Amino acid sequence: MVAFDEHAGYGTVRSDDGQDLFFHCTQIDDGTRTIAVGTRVRFAVVPGQRGQWEAAGVAHH
């Protein structure tokens, strides 16, 4: 599930194990740079620039 702040351009997704992962709007696969809160998505987990895991390739499930 997605939590997303359209004004700020970033959000979080929750993995199956309950971990919340940061993502930037540039990681949304369809190029829209926005995604509705609560949308079920699939994504890859990658090392982030802040030394924490992040979501990449966020796409509608």
Protein backbone atom coordinates (compact mmCIF):
# COMPACT_ATOMS: atom_id res chain seq x y z
CA MET A 1 0.00 0.00 0.00
CA VAL A 2 1.12 3.51 -0.78
CA ALA A 3 1.28 6.68 1.27
CA PHE A 4 2.21 9.59 -1.01
CA ASP A 5 2.57 13.37 -0.65
CA GLU A 6 1.99 14.77 -4.14
CA HIS A 7 3.15 18.26 -3.17
CA ALA A 8 6.47 16.99 -1.77
CA GLY A 9 6.92 14.33 -4.48
CA TYR A 10 7.72 11.40 -2.25
CA GLY A 11 6.04 8.68 -0.26
CA THR A 12 6.35 5.27 1.30
CA VAL A 13 5.27 1.77 0.41
CA ARG A 14 4.83 -1.07 2.87
CA SER A 15 6.54 -4.35 2.07
CA ASP A 16 4.94 -7.73 2.77
CA ASP A 17 7.04 -7.99 5.95
CA GLY A 18 5.66 -4.66 7.25
CA GLN A 19 8.70 -2.48 6.49
CA ASP A 20 7.94 1.05 5.24
CA LEU A 21 10.21 2.01 2.34
CA PHE A 22 10.78 5.56 1.03
CA PHE A 23 10.38 6.32 -2.68
CA HIS A 24 10.68 9.46 -4.79
CA CYS A 25 8.16 10.28 -7.52
CA THR A 26 10.80 9.58 -10.18
CA GLN A 27 10.58 5.89 -9.15
CA ILE A 28 6.97 5.58 -10.36
CA ASP A 29 7.18 3.43 -13.50
CA ASP A 30 4.33 4.92 -15.54
CA GLY A 31 5.97 8.37 -15.62
CA THR A 32 3.06 10.23 -14.03
CA ARG A 33 5.06 11.22 -10.93
CA THR A 34 1.99 10.67 -8.76
CA ILE A 35 0.16 7.68 -7.34
CA ALA A 36 -3.05 7.48 -5.33
CA VAL A 37 -2.81 6.83 -1.60
CA GLY A 38 -3.77 3.24 -0.79
CA THR A 39 -2.90 1.86 -4.23
CA ARG A 40 -1.54 -1.68 -4.24
CA VAL A 41 1.82 -1.66 -5.97
CA ARG A 42 4.80 -3.85 -6.79
CA PHE A 43 8.36 -2.58 -6.44
CA ALA A 44 11.99 -3.55 -6.03
CA VAL A 45 13.95 -2.93 -2.84
CA VAL A 46 17.26 -1.16 -3.49
CA PRO A 47 19.98 0.52 -1.41
CA GLY A 48 19.09 4.20 -1.02
CA GLN A 49 21.23 7.32 -1.03
CA ARG A 50 20.63 7.80 2.71
CA GLY A 51 22.08 4.42 3.65
CA GLN A 52 18.63 2.84 4.05
CA TRP A 53 16.60 0.56 1.79
CA GLU A 54 14.23 2.28 -0.64
CA ALA A 55 11.58 1.27 -3.16
CA ALA A 56 12.31 1.55 -6.89
CA GLY A 57 10.30 0.73 -9.98
CA VAL A 58 6.99 1.40 -8.20
CA ALA A 59 4.16 0.14 -10.43
CA HIS A 60 0.45 -0.60 -10.09
CA HIS A 61 -0.13 -4.18 -9.01
